[in-house]
Amino acid sequence: MSESATSDTPVLDLLGKMTADSIEASSLDAQTIALVRLAALVASDAADVSYAMNLAIAGDLGLTVDDVQGTLTAIAPIVGTSRVVAATSRIAEVLDVAIEMAVAEMAEEEESEEAQDTSEEEDTSAEQDTAAEQDTSEEQDTSAEEDTSEEDTAAEQDTSSEKDSADEKDSAAEDTSDEQHSSEEDTAAEDTSTEKDSSAQQDTSDEEDATKG
């Protein structure tokens, strides 16, 4: 079974194959073939869809509106003005549809681009917000670390002050103890001296008494 029989559009496929074969077999260039085919459509009073297909090919080949008008003008004396007028009306309808389709496609492309731009802006905004939050979090962490460091420093200073105060108190207590010991030693020395003096006086008195006797 042939491919055209199994295709969803066998008629269009056949027409496309016939067109390709005729272009390959003709000695004319592609643009001239497109204009000749247009003249044949006018002469055969073709339907709108035939004009749509062939005008699309003509546009792809670089033919302009002036080329189409020139072809219609050239064949008018042969096919008659009624055919040319009918062909002009059908061509205009096809072009209107093509223009509407082109405008719709452009609108869709613009909407797609706008949606893409909006998505990119949202992504950029989200990235900026995330970066700002990270910066804020880092600043808060840094501030908390600084506060903790200051508290540690203050605690160390307080501890150092307490140690210094305790050392001073201990030193003062040691000085007081030393003074007390020194005072006691002085008192003991005085008592010993007094006892020695009293004993010497007693001995002297005894000697005097012995001499008198």
C-alpha atoms as a PDB file:
ATOM      1  CA  MET A   1       0.000   0.000   0.000  1.00  0.00           C
ATOM      2  CA  SER A   2       1.352   3.457  -0.927  1.00  0.00           C
ATOM      3  CA  GLU A   3       2.177   6.192   1.582  1.00  0.00           C
ATOM      4  CA  SER A   4      -0.563   8.508   0.176  1.00  0.00           C
ATOM      5  CA  ALA A   5      -3.193   5.862   0.925  1.00  0.00           C
ATOM      6  CA  THR A   6      -2.141   5.568   4.565  1.00  0.00           C
ATOM      7  CA  SER A   7      -1.727   9.324   5.165  1.00  0.00           C
ATOM      8  CA  ASP A   8      -4.279  11.457   7.012  1.00  0.00           C
ATOM      9  CA  THR A   9      -4.247  13.943   4.078  1.00  0.00           C
ATOM     10  CA  PRO A  10      -3.823  11.829   0.944  1.00  0.00           C
ATOM     11  CA  VAL A  11      -5.202  14.449  -1.455  1.00  0.00           C
ATOM     12  CA  LEU A  12      -2.927  17.196  -0.218  1.00  0.00           C
ATOM     13  CA  ASP A  13       0.010  14.810  -0.238  1.00  0.00           C
ATOM     14  CA  LEU A  14      -0.767  13.892  -3.867  1.00  0.00           C
ATOM     15  CA  LEU A  15      -1.038  17.546  -4.878  1.00  0.00           C
ATOM     16  CA  GLY A  16       2.233  18.287  -3.144  1.00  0.00           C
ATOM     17  CA  LYS A  17       3.948  15.431  -4.966  1.00  0.00           C
ATOM     18  CA  MET A  18       2.489  16.551  -8.307  1.00  0.00           C
ATOM     19  CA  THR A  19       3.678  20.108  -7.682  1.00  0.00           C
ATOM     20  CA  ALA A  20       7.184  18.954  -6.783  1.00  0.00           C
ATOM     21  CA  ASP A  21       7.324  16.734  -9.885  1.00  0.00           C
ATOM     22  CA  SER A  22       6.131  19.547 -12.182  1.00  0.00           C
ATOM     23  CA  ILE A  23       8.699  21.990 -10.761  1.00  0.00           C
ATOM     24  CA  GLU A  24      11.447  19.430 -11.213  1.00  0.00           C
ATOM     25  CA  ALA A  25      10.357  18.672 -14.793  1.00  0.00           C
ATOM     26  CA  SER A  26       9.924  22.305 -15.865  1.00  0.00           C
ATOM     27  CA  SER A  27      12.702  24.402 -17.329  1.00  0.00           C
ATOM     28  CA  LEU A  28      11.291  27.542 -15.679  1.00  0.00           C
ATOM     29  CA  ASP A  29      12.611  28.952 -12.454  1.00  0.00           C
ATOM     30  CA  ALA A  30      10.584  28.561  -9.278  1.00  0.00           C
ATOM     31  CA  GLN A  31       9.196  32.131  -9.197  1.00  0.00           C
ATOM     32  CA  THR A  32       8.013  31.939 -12.807  1.00  0.00           C
ATOM     33  CA  ILE A  33       6.360  28.587 -12.150  1.00  0.00           C
ATOM     34  CA  ALA A  34       4.486  30.121  -9.183  1.00  0.00           C
ATOM     35  CA  LEU A  35       3.162  32.972 -11.360  1.00  0.00           C
ATOM     36  CA  VAL A  36       2.106  30.569 -14.136  1.00  0.00           C
ATOM     37  CA  ARG A  37       0.261  28.431 -11.601  1.00  0.00           C
ATOM     38  CA  LEU A  38      -1.493  31.553 -10.326  1.00  0.00           C
ATOM     39  CA  ALA A  39      -2.616  32.376 -13.874  1.00  0.00           C
ATOM     40  CA  ALA A  40      -3.940  28.817 -14.235  1.00  0.00           C
ATOM     41  CA  LEU A  41      -5.924  29.189 -10.991  1.00  0.00           C
ATOM     42  CA  VAL A  42      -7.569  32.352 -12.301  1.00  0.00           C
ATOM     43  CA  ALA A  43      -8.418  30.689 -15.617  1.00  0.00           C
ATOM     44  CA  SER A  44      -9.938  27.633 -13.934  1.00  0.00           C
ATOM     45  CA  ASP A  45     -11.893  29.717 -11.398  1.00  0.00           C
ATOM     46  CA  ALA A  46     -10.181  27.881  -8.514  1.00  0.00           C
ATOM     47  CA  ALA A  47     -11.382  27.812  -4.924  1.00  0.00           C
ATOM     48  CA  ASP A  48      -9.995  29.892  -2.074  1.00  0.00           C
ATOM     49  CA  VAL A  49      -7.968  27.007  -0.632  1.00  0.00           C
ATOM     50  CA  SER A  50      -6.075  26.627  -3.935  1.00  0.00           C
ATOM     51  CA  TYR A  51      -5.103  30.291  -3.844  1.00  0.00           C
ATOM     52  CA  ALA A  52      -4.049  29.937  -0.196  1.00  0.00           C
ATOM     53  CA  MET A  53      -1.725  27.035  -0.955  1.00  0.00           C
ATOM     54  CA  ASN A  54      -0.112  28.616  -4.010  1.00  0.00           C
ATOM     55  CA  LEU A  55       0.183  32.102  -2.531  1.00  0.00           C
ATOM     56  CA  ALA A  56       1.942  30.615   0.497  1.00  0.00           C
ATOM     57  CA  ILE A  57       4.468  28.969  -1.826  1.00  0.00           C
ATOM     58  CA  ALA A  58       4.814  32.215  -3.812  1.00  0.00           C
ATOM     59  CA  GLY A  59       5.514  34.134  -0.601  1.00  0.00           C
ATOM     60  CA  ASP A  60       8.185  31.619   0.393  1.00  0.00           C
ATOM     61  CA  LEU A  61       9.788  32.135  -3.017  1.00  0.00           C
ATOM     62  CA  GLY A  62       9.971  35.894  -2.485  1.00  0.00           C
ATOM     63  CA  LEU A  63       7.133  36.996  -4.823  1.00  0.00           C
ATOM     64  CA  THR A  64       5.476  40.306  -3.961  1.00  0.00           C
ATOM     65  CA  VAL A  65       2.029  41.849  -4.370  1.00  0.00           C
ATOM     66  CA  ASP A  66       3.290  43.680  -7.457  1.00  0.00           C
ATOM     67  CA  ASP A  67       4.186  40.316  -9.053  1.00  0.00           C
ATOM     68  CA  VAL A  68       0.653  39.002  -8.423  1.00  0.00           C
ATOM     69  CA  GLN A  69      -0.981  42.178  -9.755  1.00  0.00           C
ATOM     70  CA  GLY A  70       1.220  42.098 -12.850  1.00  0.00           C
ATOM     71  CA  THR A  71       0.168  38.497 -13.556  1.00  0.00           C
ATOM     72  CA  LEU A  72      -3.535  39.319 -13.210  1.00  0.00           C
ATOM     73  CA  THR A  73      -3.163  42.292 -15.508  1.00  0.00           C
ATOM     74  CA  ALA A  74      -1.370  40.171 -18.113  1.00  0.00           C
ATOM     75  CA  ILE A  75      -4.039  37.441 -18.276  1.00  0.00           C
ATOM     76  CA  ALA A  76      -7.141  39.693 -18.016  1.00  0.00           C
ATOM     77  CA  PRO A  77      -7.611  40.008 -21.796  1.00  0.00           C
ATOM     78  CA  ILE A  78      -7.474  36.187 -22.114  1.00  0.00           C
ATOM     79  CA  VAL A  79      -9.587  34.965 -19.181  1.00  0.00           C
ATOM     80  CA  GLY A  80     -11.903  37.961 -18.983  1.00  0.00           C
ATOM     81  CA  THR A  81     -12.459  40.636 -16.382  1.00  0.00           C
ATOM     82  CA  SER A  82     -15.036  38.582 -14.463  1.00  0.00           C
ATOM     83  CA  ARG A  83     -12.477  35.870 -13.709  1.00  0.00           C
ATOM     84  CA  VAL A  84      -9.876  38.436 -12.735  1.00  0.00           C
ATOM     85  CA  VAL A  85     -12.317  40.203 -10.401  1.00  0.00           C
ATOM     86  CA  ALA A  86     -13.323  36.880  -8.793  1.00  0.00           C
ATOM     87  CA  ALA A  87      -9.686  35.885  -8.420  1.00  0.00           C
ATOM     88  CA  THR A  88      -8.847  39.253  -6.873  1.00  0.00           C
ATOM     89  CA  SER A  89     -11.649  38.843  -4.330  1.00  0.00           C
ATOM     90  CA  ARG A  90     -10.513  35.339  -3.400  1.00  0.00           C
ATOM     91  CA  ILE A  91      -6.886  36.451  -3.127  1.00  0.00           C
ATOM     92  CA  ALA A  92      -7.930  39.324  -0.857  1.00  0.00           C
ATOM     93  CA  GLU A  93      -9.862  36.939   1.385  1.00  0.00           C
ATOM     94  CA  VAL A  94      -6.914  34.582   1.554  1.00  0.00           C
ATOM     95  CA  LEU A  95      -4.562  37.459   2.362  1.00  0.00           C
ATOM     96  CA  ASP A  96      -6.940  38.751   5.049  1.00  0.00           C
ATOM     97  CA  VAL A  97      -6.977  35.337   6.664  1.00  0.00           C
ATOM     98  CA  ALA A  98      -3.221  35.109   6.353  1.00  0.00           C
ATOM     99  CA  ILE A  99      -2.846  38.576   7.865  1.00  0.00           C
ATOM    100  CA  GLU A 100      -5.187  37.693  10.724  1.00  0.00           C
ATOM    101  CA  MET A 101      -3.258  34.493  11.366  1.00  0.00           C
ATOM    102  CA  ALA A 102       0.027  36.388  11.255  1.00  0.00           C
ATOM    103  CA  VAL A 103      -1.312  38.991  13.685  1.00  0.00           C
ATOM    104  CA  ALA A 104      -2.565  36.250  16.010  1.00  0.00           C
ATOM    105  CA  GLU A 105       0.818  34.538  15.891  1.00  0.00           C
ATOM    106  CA  MET A 106       2.577  37.833  16.621  1.00  0.00           C
ATOM    107  CA  ALA A 107       0.224  38.453  19.554  1.00  0.00           C
ATOM    108  CA  GLU A 108       0.945  34.979  20.932  1.00  0.00           C
ATOM    109  CA  GLU A 109       4.671  35.539  20.560  1.00  0.00           C
ATOM    110  CA  GLU A 110       4.427  38.889  22.352  1.00  0.00           C
ATOM    111  CA  GLU A 111       2.373  37.338  25.168  1.00  0.00           C
ATOM    112  CA  SER A 112       4.889  34.529  25.446  1.00  0.00           C
ATOM    113  CA  GLU A 113       7.778  37.005  25.561  1.00  0.00           C
ATOM    114  CA  GLU A 114       5.962  39.132  28.157  1.00  0.00           C
ATOM    115  CA  ALA A 115       5.239  36.044  30.261  1.00  0.00           C
ATOM    116  CA  GLN A 116       8.887  35.025  29.970  1.00  0.00           C
ATOM    117  CA  ASP A 117      10.052  38.528  30.929  1.00  0.00           C
ATOM    118  CA  THR A 118       7.661  38.532  33.879  1.00  0.00           C
ATOM    119  CA  SER A 119       8.931  35.129  34.966  1.00  0.00           C
ATOM    120  CA  GLU A 120      12.533  36.320  34.690  1.00  0.00           C
ATOM    121  CA  GLU A 121      11.705  39.469  36.691  1.00  0.00           C
ATOM    122  CA  GLU A 122      10.018  37.370  39.369  1.00  0.00           C
ATOM    123  CA  ASP A 123      13.003  35.028  39.477  1.00  0.00           C
ATOM    124  CA  THR A 124      15.357  38.007  39.719  1.00  0.00           C
ATOM    125  CA  SER A 125      13.222  39.568  42.453  1.00  0.00           C
ATOM    126  CA  ALA A 126      13.133  36.262  44.340  1.00  0.00           C
ATOM    127  CA  GLU A 127      16.921  35.947  44.060  1.00  0.00           C
ATOM    128  CA  GLN A 128      17.363  39.515  45.304  1.00  0.00           C
ATOM    129  CA  ASP A 129      14.999  38.885  48.230  1.00  0.00           C
ATOM    130  CA  THR A 130      16.866  35.684  49.094  1.00  0.00           C
ATOM    131  CA  ALA A 131      20.208  37.491  48.908  1.00  0.00           C
ATOM    132  CA  ALA A 132      18.855  40.304  51.094  1.00  0.00           C
ATOM    133  CA  GLU A 133      17.559  37.803  53.646  1.00  0.00           C
ATOM    134  CA  GLN A 134      20.911  36.024  53.680  1.00  0.00           C
ATOM    135  CA  ASP A 135      22.741  39.342  54.158  1.00  0.00           C
ATOM    136  CA  THR A 136      20.374  40.286  56.978  1.00  0.00           C
ATOM    137  CA  SER A 137      20.823  36.891  58.616  1.00  0.00           C
ATOM    138  CA  GLU A 138      24.608  37.168  58.346  1.00  0.00           C
ATOM    139  CA  GLU A 139      24.512  40.678  59.830  1.00  0.00           C
ATOM    140  CA  GLN A 140      22.349  39.442  62.710  1.00  0.00           C
ATOM    141  CA  ASP A 141      24.686  36.514  63.317  1.00  0.00           C
ATOM    142  CA  THR A 142      27.687  38.850  63.265  1.00  0.00           C
ATOM    143  CA  SER A 143      25.949  41.241  65.663  1.00  0.00           C
ATOM    144  CA  ALA A 144      25.038  38.362  67.989  1.00  0.00           C
ATOM    145  CA  GLU A 145      28.634  37.131  67.935  1.00  0.00           C
ATOM    146  CA  GLU A 146      29.870  40.631  68.718  1.00  0.00           C
ATOM    147  CA  ASP A 147      27.388  40.936  71.602  1.00  0.00           C
ATOM    148  CA  THR A 148      28.470  37.540  72.930  1.00  0.00           C
ATOM    149  CA  SER A 149      32.114  38.557  72.660  1.00  0.00           C
ATOM    150  CA  GLU A 150      31.406  41.788  74.537  1.00  0.00           C
ATOM    151  CA  GLU A 151      29.561  39.844  77.240  1.00  0.00           C
ATOM    152  CA  ASP A 152      32.453  37.396  77.536  1.00  0.00           C
ATOM    153  CA  THR A 153      34.900  40.296  77.795  1.00  0.00           C
ATOM    154  CA  ALA A 154      32.772  41.948  80.482  1.00  0.00           C
ATOM    155  CA  ALA A 155      32.524  38.674  82.386  1.00  0.00           C
ATOM    156  CA  GLU A 156      36.292  38.223  82.176  1.00  0.00           C
ATOM    157  CA  GLN A 157      36.802  41.782  83.434  1.00  0.00           C
ATOM    158  CA  ASP A 158      34.380  41.185  86.313  1.00  0.00           C
ATOM    159  CA  THR A 159      36.144  37.917  87.179  1.00  0.00           C
ATOM    160  CA  SER A 160      39.514  39.646  87.028  1.00  0.00           C
ATOM    161  CA  SER A 161      38.241  42.439  89.261  1.00  0.00           C
ATOM    162  CA  GLU A 162      36.893  39.922  91.761  1.00  0.00           C
ATOM    163  CA  LYS A 163      40.222  38.067  91.763  1.00  0.00           C
ATOM    164  CA  ASP A 164      42.105  41.330  92.285  1.00  0.00           C
ATOM    165  CA  SER A 165      39.774  42.286  95.126  1.00  0.00           C
ATOM    166  CA  ALA A 166      40.179  38.842  96.733  1.00  0.00           C
ATOM    167  CA  ASP A 167      43.950  39.063  96.350  1.00  0.00           C
ATOM    168  CA  GLU A 168      43.931  42.491  97.975  1.00  0.00           C
ATOM    169  CA  LYS A 169      41.816  41.195 100.842  1.00  0.00           C
ATOM    170  CA  ASP A 170      44.110  38.193 101.308  1.00  0.00           C
ATOM    171  CA  SER A 171      47.154  40.472 101.241  1.00  0.00           C
ATOM    172  CA  ALA A 172      45.571  42.806 103.763  1.00  0.00           C
ATOM    173  CA  ALA A 173      44.724  39.845 106.009  1.00  0.00           C
ATOM    174  CA  GLU A 174      48.288  38.589 105.758  1.00  0.00           C
ATOM    175  CA  ASP A 175      49.619  42.054 106.637  1.00  0.00           C
ATOM    176  CA  THR A 176      47.308  42.219 109.647  1.00  0.00           C
ATOM    177  CA  SER A 177      48.389  38.749 110.770  1.00  0.00           C
ATOM    178  CA  ASP A 178      52.032  39.699 110.367  1.00  0.00           C
ATOM    179  CA  GLU A 179      51.458  42.845 112.421  1.00  0.00           C
ATOM    180  CA  GLN A 180      49.724  40.855 115.141  1.00  0.00           C
ATOM    181  CA  HIS A 181      52.545  38.307 115.263  1.00  0.00           C
ATOM    182  CA  SER A 182      55.108  41.110 115.413  1.00  0.00           C
ATOM    183  CA  SER A 183      53.208  42.822 118.197  1.00  0.00           C
ATOM    184  CA  GLU A 184      52.987  39.582 120.165  1.00  0.00           C
ATOM    185  CA  GLU A 185      56.693  38.977 119.682  1.00  0.00           C
ATOM    186  CA  ASP A 186      57.460  42.522 120.856  1.00  0.00           C
ATOM    187  CA  THR A 187      55.276  42.012 123.925  1.00  0.00           C
ATOM    188  CA  ALA A 188      56.956  38.700 124.708  1.00  0.00           C
ATOM    189  CA  ALA A 189      60.358  40.318 124.360  1.00  0.00           C
ATOM    190  CA  GLU A 190      59.340  43.114 126.717  1.00  0.00           C
ATOM    191  CA  ASP A 191      58.050  40.613 129.250  1.00  0.00           C
ATOM    192  CA  THR A 192      61.298  38.633 129.028  1.00  0.00           C
ATOM    193  CA  SER A 193      63.329  41.822 129.489  1.00  0.00           C
ATOM    194  CA  THR A 194      61.225  42.814 132.486  1.00  0.00           C
ATOM    195  CA  GLU A 195      61.691  39.396 134.032  1.00  0.00           C
ATOM    196  CA  LYS A 196      65.449  39.618 133.466  1.00  0.00           C
ATOM    197  CA  ASP A 197      65.593  43.057 135.094  1.00  0.00           C
ATOM    198  CA  SER A 198      63.563  41.860 138.079  1.00  0.00           C
ATOM    199  CA  SER A 199      65.774  38.804 138.484  1.00  0.00           C
ATOM    200  CA  ALA A 200      68.943  40.934 138.303  1.00  0.00           C
ATOM    201  CA  GLN A 201      67.583  43.286 140.938  1.00  0.00           C
ATOM    202  CA  GLN A 202      66.758  40.371 143.206  1.00  0.00           C
ATOM    203  CA  ASP A 203      70.214  38.904 142.784  1.00  0.00           C
ATOM    204  CA  THR A 204      71.798  42.260 143.617  1.00  0.00           C
ATOM    205  CA  SER A 205      69.643  42.595 146.723  1.00  0.00           C
ATOM    206  CA  ASP A 206      70.604  39.102 147.874  1.00  0.00           C
ATOM    207  CA  GLU A 207      74.275  39.859 147.400  1.00  0.00           C
ATOM    208  CA  GLU A 208      73.936  43.060 149.407  1.00  0.00           C
ATOM    209  CA  ASP A 209      72.205  41.194 152.215  1.00  0.00           C
ATOM    210  CA  ALA A 210      74.911  38.543 152.217  1.00  0.00           C
ATOM    211  CA  THR A 211      77.653  41.184 152.424  1.00  0.00           C
ATOM    212  CA  LYS A 212      75.992  42.901 155.352  1.00  0.00           C
ATOM    213  CA  GLY A 213      75.652  39.687 157.276  1.00  0.00           C
END
